[in-house]
PDB file of all heavy atoms in Angstrom:
ATOM      1  N   LYS A   1     117.144  66.649-120.304  1.00  0.00           N
ATOM      2  CA  LYS A   1     117.845  66.637-119.015  1.00  0.00           C
ATOM      3  C   LYS A   1     118.813  67.815-118.932  1.00  0.00           C
ATOM      4  O   LYS A   1     118.880  68.504-117.914  1.00  0.00           O
ATOM      5  CB  LYS A   1     118.609  65.320-118.828  1.00  0.00           C
ATOM      6  CG  LYS A   1     117.745  64.149-118.474  1.00  0.00           C
ATOM      7  CD  LYS A   1     118.582  62.882-118.335  1.00  0.00           C
ATOM      8  CE  LYS A   1     117.689  61.668-118.217  1.00  0.00           C
ATOM      9  NZ  LYS A   1     118.460  60.421-118.217  1.00  0.00           N
ATOM     10  N   LYS A   2     119.596  68.028-120.005  1.00  0.00           N
ATOM     11  CA  LYS A   2     120.520  69.148-120.055  1.00  0.00           C
ATOM     12  C   LYS A   2     119.779  70.472-119.942  1.00  0.00           C
ATOM     13  O   LYS A   2     120.195  71.370-119.227  1.00  0.00           O
ATOM     14  CB  LYS A   2     121.335  69.139-121.348  1.00  0.00           C
ATOM     15  CG  LYS A   2     122.440  68.171-121.348  1.00  0.00           C
ATOM     16  CD  LYS A   2     123.576  68.703-120.522  1.00  0.00           C
ATOM     17  CE  LYS A   2     124.821  68.824-121.363  1.00  0.00           C
ATOM     18  NZ  LYS A   2     125.964  69.285-120.631  1.00  0.00           N
ATOM     19  N   TYR A   3     118.655  70.564-120.687  1.00  0.00           N
ATOM     20  CA  TYR A   3     117.835  71.776-120.661  1.00  0.00           C
ATOM     21  C   TYR A   3     117.353  72.058-119.261  1.00  0.00           C
ATOM     22  O   TYR A   3     117.501  73.169-118.756  1.00  0.00           O
ATOM     23  CB  TYR A   3     116.646  71.622-121.635  1.00  0.00           C
ATOM     24  CG  TYR A   3     115.584  72.665-121.409  1.00  0.00           C
ATOM     25  CD1 TYR A   3     115.760  73.969-121.836  1.00  0.00           C
ATOM     26  CD2 TYR A   3     114.410  72.340-120.741  1.00  0.00           C
ATOM     27  CE1 TYR A   3     114.784  74.925-121.619  1.00  0.00           C
ATOM     28  CE2 TYR A   3     113.436  73.282-120.533  1.00  0.00           C
ATOM     29  CZ  TYR A   3     113.622  74.575-120.929  1.00  0.00           C
ATOM     30  OH  TYR A   3     112.651  75.513-120.730  1.00  0.00           O
ATOM     31  N   ASP A   4     116.784  71.053-118.605  1.00  0.00           N
ATOM     32  CA  ASP A   4     116.247  71.241-117.260  1.00  0.00           C
ATOM     33  C   ASP A   4     117.335  71.693-116.296  1.00  0.00           C
ATOM     34  O   ASP A   4     117.144  72.615-115.489  1.00  0.00           O
ATOM     35  CB  ASP A   4     115.581  69.953-116.759  1.00  0.00           C
ATOM     36  CG  ASP A   4     114.277  69.668-117.459  1.00  0.00           C
ATOM     37  OD1 ASP A   4     113.634  70.620-117.971  1.00  0.00           O
ATOM     38  OD2 ASP A   4     113.881  68.474-117.517  1.00  0.00           O
ATOM     39  N   THR A   5     118.489  71.041-116.373  1.00  0.00           N
ATOM     40  CA  THR A   5     119.608  71.399-115.502  1.00  0.00           C
ATOM     41  C   THR A   5     120.048  72.835-115.696  1.00  0.00           C
ATOM     42  O   THR A   5     120.161  73.603-114.765  1.00  0.00           O
ATOM     43  CB  THR A   5     120.812  70.453-115.764  1.00  0.00           C
ATOM     44  OG1 THR A   5     120.364  69.112-115.590  1.00  0.00           O
ATOM     45  CG2 THR A   5     121.946  70.767-114.838  1.00  0.00           C
ATOM     46  N   LEU A   6     120.288  73.213-116.945  1.00  0.00           N
ATOM     47  CA  LEU A   6     120.778  74.567-117.248  1.00  0.00           C
ATOM     48  C   LEU A   6     119.699  75.609-116.945  1.00  0.00           C
ATOM     49  O   LEU A   6     120.010  76.692-116.420  1.00  0.00           O
ATOM     50  CB  LEU A   6     121.196  74.662-118.716  1.00  0.00           C
ATOM     51  CG  LEU A   6     122.450  73.899-119.072  1.00  0.00           C
ATOM     52  CD1 LEU A   6     122.667  73.869-120.585  1.00  0.00           C
ATOM     53  CD2 LEU A   6     123.669  74.505-118.400  1.00  0.00           C
ATOM     54  N   PHE A   7     118.458  75.312-117.255  1.00  0.00           N
ATOM     55  CA  PHE A   7     117.375  76.255-117.021  1.00  0.00           C
ATOM     56  C   PHE A   7     117.223  76.543-115.529  1.00  0.00           C
ATOM     57  O   PHE A   7     117.118  77.681-115.095  1.00  0.00           O
ATOM     58  CB  PHE A   7     116.071  75.724-117.609  1.00  0.00           C
ATOM     59  CG  PHE A   7     114.968  76.741-117.689  1.00  0.00           C
ATOM     60  CD1 PHE A   7     114.889  77.611-118.759  1.00  0.00           C
ATOM     61  CD2 PHE A   7     114.010  76.836-116.686  1.00  0.00           C
ATOM     62  CE1 PHE A   7     113.876  78.545-118.849  1.00  0.00           C
ATOM     63  CE2 PHE A   7     113.000  77.784-116.769  1.00  0.00           C
ATOM     64  CZ  PHE A   7     112.942  78.641-117.843  1.00  0.00           C
ATOM     65  N   GLU A   8     117.224  75.474-114.726  1.00  0.00           N
ATOM     66  CA  GLU A   8     117.061  75.627-113.269  1.00  0.00           C
ATOM     67  C   GLU A   8     118.282  76.333-112.667  1.00  0.00           C
ATOM     68  O   GLU A   8     118.133  77.145-111.768  1.00  0.00           O
ATOM     69  CB  GLU A   8     116.825  74.270-112.606  1.00  0.00           C
ATOM     70  CG  GLU A   8     115.476  73.697-112.899  1.00  0.00           C
ATOM     71  CD  GLU A   8     114.331  74.608-112.466  1.00  0.00           C
ATOM     72  OE1 GLU A   8     114.406  75.184-111.364  1.00  0.00           O
ATOM     73  OE2 GLU A   8     113.374  74.752-113.252  1.00  0.00           O
ATOM     74  N   ARG A   9     119.469  75.981-113.131  1.00  0.00           N
ATOM     75  CA  ARG A   9     120.691  76.599-112.604  1.00  0.00           C
ATOM     76  C   ARG A   9     120.677  78.100-112.842  1.00  0.00           C
ATOM     77  O   ARG A   9     121.033  78.893-111.979  1.00  0.00           O
ATOM     78  CB  ARG A   9     121.914  75.971-113.262  1.00  0.00           C
ATOM     79  CG  ARG A   9     123.213  76.381-112.594  1.00  0.00           C
ATOM     80  CD  ARG A   9     124.413  75.689-113.212  1.00  0.00           C
ATOM     81  NE  ARG A   9     124.321  74.228-113.045  1.00  0.00           N
ATOM     82  CZ  ARG A   9     124.924  73.371-113.838  1.00  0.00           C
ATOM     83  NH1 ARG A   9     125.653  73.807-114.825  1.00  0.00           N
ATOM     84  NH2 ARG A   9     124.806  72.095-113.628  1.00  0.00           N
ATOM     85  N   ASN A  10     120.231  78.533-114.030  1.00  0.00           N
ATOM     86  CA  ASN A  10     120.185  79.952-114.318  1.00  0.00           C
ATOM     87  C   ASN A  10     119.007  80.647-113.654  1.00  0.00           C
ATOM     88  O   ASN A  10     119.024  81.846-113.449  1.00  0.00           O
ATOM     89  CB  ASN A  10     120.166  80.181-115.834  1.00  0.00           C
ATOM     90  CG  ASN A  10     121.518  79.923-116.442  1.00  0.00           C
ATOM     91  OD1 ASN A  10     122.485  80.554-116.076  1.00  0.00           O
ATOM     92  ND2 ASN A  10     121.598  78.970-117.344  1.00  0.00           N
ATOM     93  N   ALA A  11     117.957  79.885-113.325  1.00  0.00           N
ATOM     94  CA  ALA A  11     116.841  80.468-112.600  1.00  0.00           C
ATOM     95  C   ALA A  11     117.275  80.794-111.151  1.00  0.00           C
ATOM     96  O   ALA A  11     116.907  81.821-110.621  1.00  0.00           O
ATOM     97  CB  ALA A  11     115.658  79.508-112.604  1.00  0.00           C
ATOM     98  N   LYS A  12     118.093  79.905-110.565  1.00  0.00           N
ATOM     99  CA  LYS A  12     118.563  80.123-109.187  1.00  0.00           C
ATOM    100  C   LYS A  12     119.548  81.274-109.112  1.00  0.00           C
ATOM    101  O   LYS A  12     119.498  82.073-108.202  1.00  0.00           O
ATOM    102  CB  LYS A  12     119.238  78.852-108.663  1.00  0.00           C
ATOM    103  CG  LYS A  12     118.271  77.725-108.397  1.00  0.00           C
ATOM    104  CD  LYS A  12     119.008  76.469-107.958  1.00  0.00           C
ATOM    105  CE  LYS A  12     118.067  75.304-107.853  1.00  0.00           C
ATOM    106  NZ  LYS A  12     118.800  74.043-107.607  1.00  0.00           N
ATOM    107  N   ASN A  13     120.453  81.374-110.053  1.00  0.00           N
ATOM    108  CA  ASN A  13     121.460  82.429-110.037  1.00  0.00           C
ATOM    109  C   ASN A  13     120.962  83.738-110.587  1.00  0.00           C
ATOM    110  O   ASN A  13     121.659  84.743-110.543  1.00  0.00           O
ATOM    111  CB  ASN A  13     122.697  81.985-110.822  1.00  0.00           C
ATOM    112  CG  ASN A  13     123.383  80.818-110.165  1.00  0.00           C
ATOM    113  OD1 ASN A  13     123.219  80.570-108.977  1.00  0.00           O
ATOM    114  ND2 ASN A  13     124.148  80.049-110.935  1.00  0.00           N
ATOM    115  N   GLY A  14     119.767  83.772-111.156  1.00  0.00           N
ATOM    116  CA  GLY A  14     119.182  85.019-111.595  1.00  0.00           C
ATOM    117  C   GLY A  14     119.639  85.533-112.946  1.00  0.00           C
ATOM    118  O   GLY A  14     119.505  86.708-113.230  1.00  0.00           O
ATOM    119  N   SER A  15     120.195  84.680-113.810  1.00  0.00           N
ATOM    120  CA  SER A  15     120.624  85.128-115.121  1.00  0.00           C
ATOM    121  C   SER A  15     119.513  84.888-116.135  1.00  0.00           C
ATOM    122  O   SER A  15     119.416  83.820-116.753  1.00  0.00           O
ATOM    123  CB  SER A  15     121.893  84.398-115.562  1.00  0.00           C
ATOM    124  OG  SER A  15     122.274  84.816-116.841  1.00  0.00           O
ATOM    125  N   PHE A  16     118.660  85.888-116.292  1.00  0.00           N
ATOM    126  CA  PHE A  16     117.518  85.758-117.188  1.00  0.00           C
ATOM    127  C   PHE A  16     117.989  85.629-118.652  1.00  0.00           C
ATOM    128  O   PHE A  16     117.396  84.900-119.441  1.00  0.00           O
ATOM    129  CB  PHE A  16     116.571  86.947-117.063  1.00  0.00           C
ATOM    130  CG  PHE A  16     115.386  86.878-117.948  1.00  0.00           C
ATOM    131  CD1 PHE A  16     114.358  85.982-117.669  1.00  0.00           C
ATOM    132  CD2 PHE A  16     115.282  87.650-119.083  1.00  0.00           C
ATOM    133  CE1 PHE A  16     113.255  85.893-118.489  1.00  0.00           C
ATOM    134  CE2 PHE A  16     114.181  87.578-119.894  1.00  0.00           C
ATOM    135  CZ  PHE A  16     113.170  86.698-119.603  1.00  0.00           C
ATOM    136  N   TYR A  17     119.076  86.315-119.008  1.00  0.00           N
ATOM    137  CA  TYR A  17     119.605  86.266-120.370  1.00  0.00           C
ATOM    138  C   TYR A  17     120.021  84.849-120.732  1.00  0.00           C
ATOM    139  O   TYR A  17     119.618  84.318-121.767  1.00  0.00           O
ATOM    140  CB  TYR A  17     120.775  87.232-120.533  1.00  0.00           C
ATOM    141  CG  TYR A  17     121.459  87.110-121.869  1.00  0.00           C
ATOM    142  CD1 TYR A  17     120.886  87.632-123.011  1.00  0.00           C
ATOM    143  CD2 TYR A  17     122.680  86.446-121.991  1.00  0.00           C
ATOM    144  CE1 TYR A  17     121.499  87.534-124.244  1.00  0.00           C
ATOM    145  CE2 TYR A  17     123.307  86.327-123.220  1.00  0.00           C
ATOM    146  CZ  TYR A  17     122.709  86.869-124.343  1.00  0.00           C
ATOM    147  OH  TYR A  17     123.322  86.744-125.539  1.00  0.00           O
ATOM    148  N   LEU A  18     120.812  84.195-119.866  1.00  0.00           N
ATOM    149  CA  LEU A  18     121.248  82.841-120.138  1.00  0.00           C
ATOM    150  C   LEU A  18     120.070  81.868-120.133  1.00  0.00           C
ATOM    151  O   LEU A  18     120.008  80.930-120.930  1.00  0.00           O
ATOM    152  CB  LEU A  18     122.314  82.414-119.129  1.00  0.00           C
ATOM    153  CG  LEU A  18     123.656  83.132-119.251  1.00  0.00           C
ATOM    154  CD1 LEU A  18     124.590  82.686-118.135  1.00  0.00           C
ATOM    155  CD2 LEU A  18     124.272  82.882-120.605  1.00  0.00           C
ATOM    156  N   GLN A  19     119.153  82.084-119.221  1.00  0.00           N
ATOM    157  CA  GLN A  19     117.982  81.238-119.141  1.00  0.00           C
ATOM    158  C   GLN A  19     117.160  81.326-120.418  1.00  0.00           C
ATOM    159  O   GLN A  19     116.722  80.303-120.959  1.00  0.00           O
ATOM    160  CB  GLN A  19     117.112  81.681-117.957  1.00  0.00           C
ATOM    161  CG  GLN A  19     116.035  80.708-117.585  1.00  0.00           C
ATOM    162  CD  GLN A  19     115.255  81.184-116.363  1.00  0.00           C
ATOM    163  OE1 GLN A  19     115.194  82.358-116.085  1.00  0.00           O
ATOM    164  NE2 GLN A  19     114.654  80.256-115.674  1.00  0.00           N
ATOM    165  N   SER A  20     117.038  82.501-120.972  1.00  0.00           N
ATOM    166  CA  SER A  20     116.273  82.657-122.242  1.00  0.00           C
ATOM    167  C   SER A  20     117.047  82.030-123.406  1.00  0.00           C
ATOM    168  O   SER A  20     116.427  81.464-124.302  1.00  0.00           O
ATOM    169  CB  SER A  20     115.968  84.126-122.518  1.00  0.00           C
ATOM    170  OG  SER A  20     117.143  84.860-122.751  1.00  0.00           O
ATOM    171  N   LYS A  21     118.379  82.123-123.391  1.00  0.00           N
ATOM    172  CA  LYS A  21     119.178  81.481-124.450  1.00  0.00           C
ATOM    173  C   LYS A  21     119.004  79.967-124.403  1.00  0.00           C
ATOM    174  O   LYS A  21     118.872  79.319-125.437  1.00  0.00           O
ATOM    175  CB  LYS A  21     120.673  81.812-124.277  1.00  0.00           C
ATOM    176  CG  LYS A  21     121.078  83.151-124.805  1.00  0.00           C
ATOM    177  CD  LYS A  21     120.940  83.193-126.287  1.00  0.00           C
ATOM    178  CE  LYS A  21     122.007  84.027-126.907  1.00  0.00           C
ATOM    179  NZ  LYS A  21     121.855  84.146-128.340  1.00  0.00           N
ATOM    180  N   VAL A  22     118.978  79.396-123.205  1.00  0.00           N
ATOM    181  CA  VAL A  22     118.795  77.951-123.036  1.00  0.00           C
ATOM    182  C   VAL A  22     117.420  77.569-123.570  1.00  0.00           C
ATOM    183  O   VAL A  22     117.252  76.557-124.277  1.00  0.00           O
ATOM    184  CB  VAL A  22     118.994  77.551-121.558  1.00  0.00           C
ATOM    185  CG1 VAL A  22     118.501  76.127-121.313  1.00  0.00           C
ATOM    186  CG2 VAL A  22     120.442  77.703-121.148  1.00  0.00           C
ATOM    187  N   HIS A  23     116.413  78.380-123.229  1.00  0.00           N
ATOM    188  CA  HIS A  23     115.052  78.082-123.679  1.00  0.00           C
ATOM    189  C   HIS A  23     114.949  78.165-125.219  1.00  0.00           C
ATOM    190  O   HIS A  23     114.337  77.306-125.842  1.00  0.00           O
ATOM    191  CB  HIS A  23     114.073  79.050-123.029  1.00  0.00           C
ATOM    192  CG  HIS A  23     112.654  78.764-123.372  1.00  0.00           C
ATOM    193  ND1 HIS A  23     111.957  77.678-122.868  1.00  0.00           N
ATOM    194  CD2 HIS A  23     111.783  79.423-124.180  1.00  0.00           C
ATOM    195  CE1 HIS A  23     110.750  77.664-123.364  1.00  0.00           C
ATOM    196  NE2 HIS A  23     110.611  78.712-124.165  1.00  0.00           N
ATOM    197  N   ARG A  24     115.563  79.185-125.811  1.00  0.00           N
ATOM    198  CA  ARG A  24     115.542  79.334-127.277  1.00  0.00           C
ATOM    199  C   ARG A  24     116.271  78.162-127.948  1.00  0.00           C
ATOM    200  O   ARG A  24     115.889  77.708-129.020  1.00  0.00           O
ATOM    201  CB  ARG A  24     116.151  80.653-127.701  1.00  0.00           C
ATOM    202  CG  ARG A  24     115.415  81.860-127.237  1.00  0.00           C
ATOM    203  CD  ARG A  24     114.101  82.019-127.947  1.00  0.00           C
ATOM    204  NE  ARG A  24     113.336  83.080-127.323  1.00  0.00           N
ATOM    205  CZ  ARG A  24     112.201  82.919-126.690  1.00  0.00           C
ATOM    206  NH1 ARG A  24     111.649  81.733-126.596  1.00  0.00           N
ATOM    207  NH2 ARG A  24     111.569  83.925-126.132  1.00  0.00           N
ATOM    208  N   ALA A  25     117.341  77.692-127.322  1.00  0.00           N
ATOM    209  CA  ALA A  25     118.073  76.556-127.865  1.00  0.00           C
ATOM    210  C   ALA A  25     117.200  75.307-127.869  1.00  0.00           C
ATOM    211  O   ALA A  25     117.153  74.576-128.875  1.00  0.00           O
ATOM    212  CB  ALA A  25     119.338  76.299-127.055  1.00  0.00           C
ATOM    213  N   LYS A  26     116.445  75.101-126.818  1.00  0.00           N
ATOM    214  CA  LYS A  26     115.548  73.936-126.764  1.00  0.00           C
ATOM    215  C   LYS A  26     114.468  74.078-127.812  1.00  0.00           C
ATOM    216  O   LYS A  26     114.143  73.143-128.533  1.00  0.00           O
ATOM    217  CB  LYS A  26     114.906  73.805-125.396  1.00  0.00           C
ATOM    218  CG  LYS A  26     113.969  72.599-125.307  1.00  0.00           C
ATOM    219  CD  LYS A  26     113.057  72.639-124.097  1.00  0.00           C
ATOM    220  CE  LYS A  26     111.971  73.619-124.306  1.00  0.00           C
ATOM    221  NZ  LYS A  26     110.646  73.241-124.046  1.00  0.00           N
ATOM    222  N   GLU A  27     113.898  75.293-127.960  1.00  0.00           N
ATOM    223  CA  GLU A  27     112.861  75.527-128.988  1.00  0.00           C
ATOM    224  C   GLU A  27     113.415  75.234-130.377  1.00  0.00           C
ATOM    225  O   GLU A  27     112.729  74.666-131.210  1.00  0.00           O
ATOM    226  CB  GLU A  27     112.368  76.966-128.929  1.00  0.00           C
ATOM    227  CG  GLU A  27     111.437  77.237-127.781  1.00  0.00           C
ATOM    228  CD  GLU A  27     110.963  78.688-127.778  1.00  0.00           C
ATOM    229  OE1 GLU A  27     111.624  79.556-128.438  1.00  0.00           O
ATOM    230  OE2 GLU A  27     109.932  78.968-127.153  1.00  0.00           O
ATOM    231  N   CYS A  28     114.651  75.628-130.633  1.00  0.00           N
ATOM    232  CA  CYS A  28     115.263  75.405-131.942  1.00  0.00           C
ATOM    233  C   CYS A  28     115.410  73.917-132.209  1.00  0.00           C
ATOM    234  O   CYS A  28     115.134  73.437-133.328  1.00  0.00           O
ATOM    235  CB  CYS A  28     116.620  76.110-131.997  1.00  0.00           C
ATOM    236  SG  CYS A  28     117.533  75.818-133.522  1.00  0.00           S
ATOM    237  N   LEU A  29     115.846  73.165-131.217  1.00  0.00           N
ATOM    238  CA  LEU A  29     116.055  71.745-131.387  1.00  0.00           C
ATOM    239  C   LEU A  29     114.737  70.961-131.448  1.00  0.00           C
ATOM    240  O   LEU A  29     114.721  69.818-131.922  1.00  0.00           O
ATOM    241  CB  LEU A  29     116.964  71.189-130.300  1.00  0.00           C
ATOM    242  CG  LEU A  29     118.402  71.670-130.368  1.00  0.00           C
ATOM    243  CD1 LEU A  29     119.234  71.098-129.217  1.00  0.00           C
ATOM    244  CD2 LEU A  29     119.062  71.319-131.712  1.00  0.00           C
ATOM    245  N   GLU A  30     113.657  71.536-130.958  1.00  0.00           N
ATOM    246  CA  GLU A  30     112.356  70.851-131.064  1.00  0.00           C
ATOM    247  C   GLU A  30     111.983  70.615-132.517  1.00  0.00           C
ATOM    248  O   GLU A  30     111.328  69.636-132.845  1.00  0.00           O
ATOM    249  CB  GLU A  30     111.280  71.671-130.377  1.00  0.00           C
ATOM    250  CG  GLU A  30     111.282  71.544-128.867  1.00  0.00           C
ATOM    251  CD  GLU A  30     110.272  72.437-128.196  1.00  0.00           C
ATOM    252  OE1 GLU A  30     109.724  73.375-128.832  1.00  0.00           O
ATOM    253  OE2 GLU A  30     109.984  72.215-127.005  1.00  0.00           O
ATOM    254  N   GLY A  31     112.412  71.499-133.409  1.00  0.00           N
ATOM    255  CA  GLY A  31     112.153  71.324-134.831  1.00  0.00           C
ATOM    256  C   GLY A  31     112.932  70.170-135.445  1.00  0.00           C
ATOM    257  O   GLY A  31     112.513  69.558-136.431  1.00  0.00           O
ATOM    258  N   VAL A  32     114.093  69.878-134.872  1.00  0.00           N
ATOM    259  CA  VAL A  32     114.934  68.794-135.365  1.00  0.00           C
ATOM    260  C   VAL A  32     114.437  67.440-134.876  1.00  0.00           C
ATOM    261  O   VAL A  32     114.554  66.444-135.564  1.00  0.00           O
ATOM    262  CB  VAL A  32     116.386  69.007-134.916  1.00  0.00           C
ATOM    263  CG1 VAL A  32     117.284  67.904-135.406  1.00  0.00           C
ATOM    264  CG2 VAL A  32     116.896  70.346-135.440  1.00  0.00           C
TER     265      VAL A  32
END
C-alpha cells in the first residue's frame, strides 16, 4: 500500500529519481 501510494505520487509529480528509489526499496524488501 505504501509502495503504491509513493510510486503513484512520484509518477504524477514527475520525480523519476524518487520513483526509482521507491521501486528499488520494494525490490529489496521482496527478499525479506
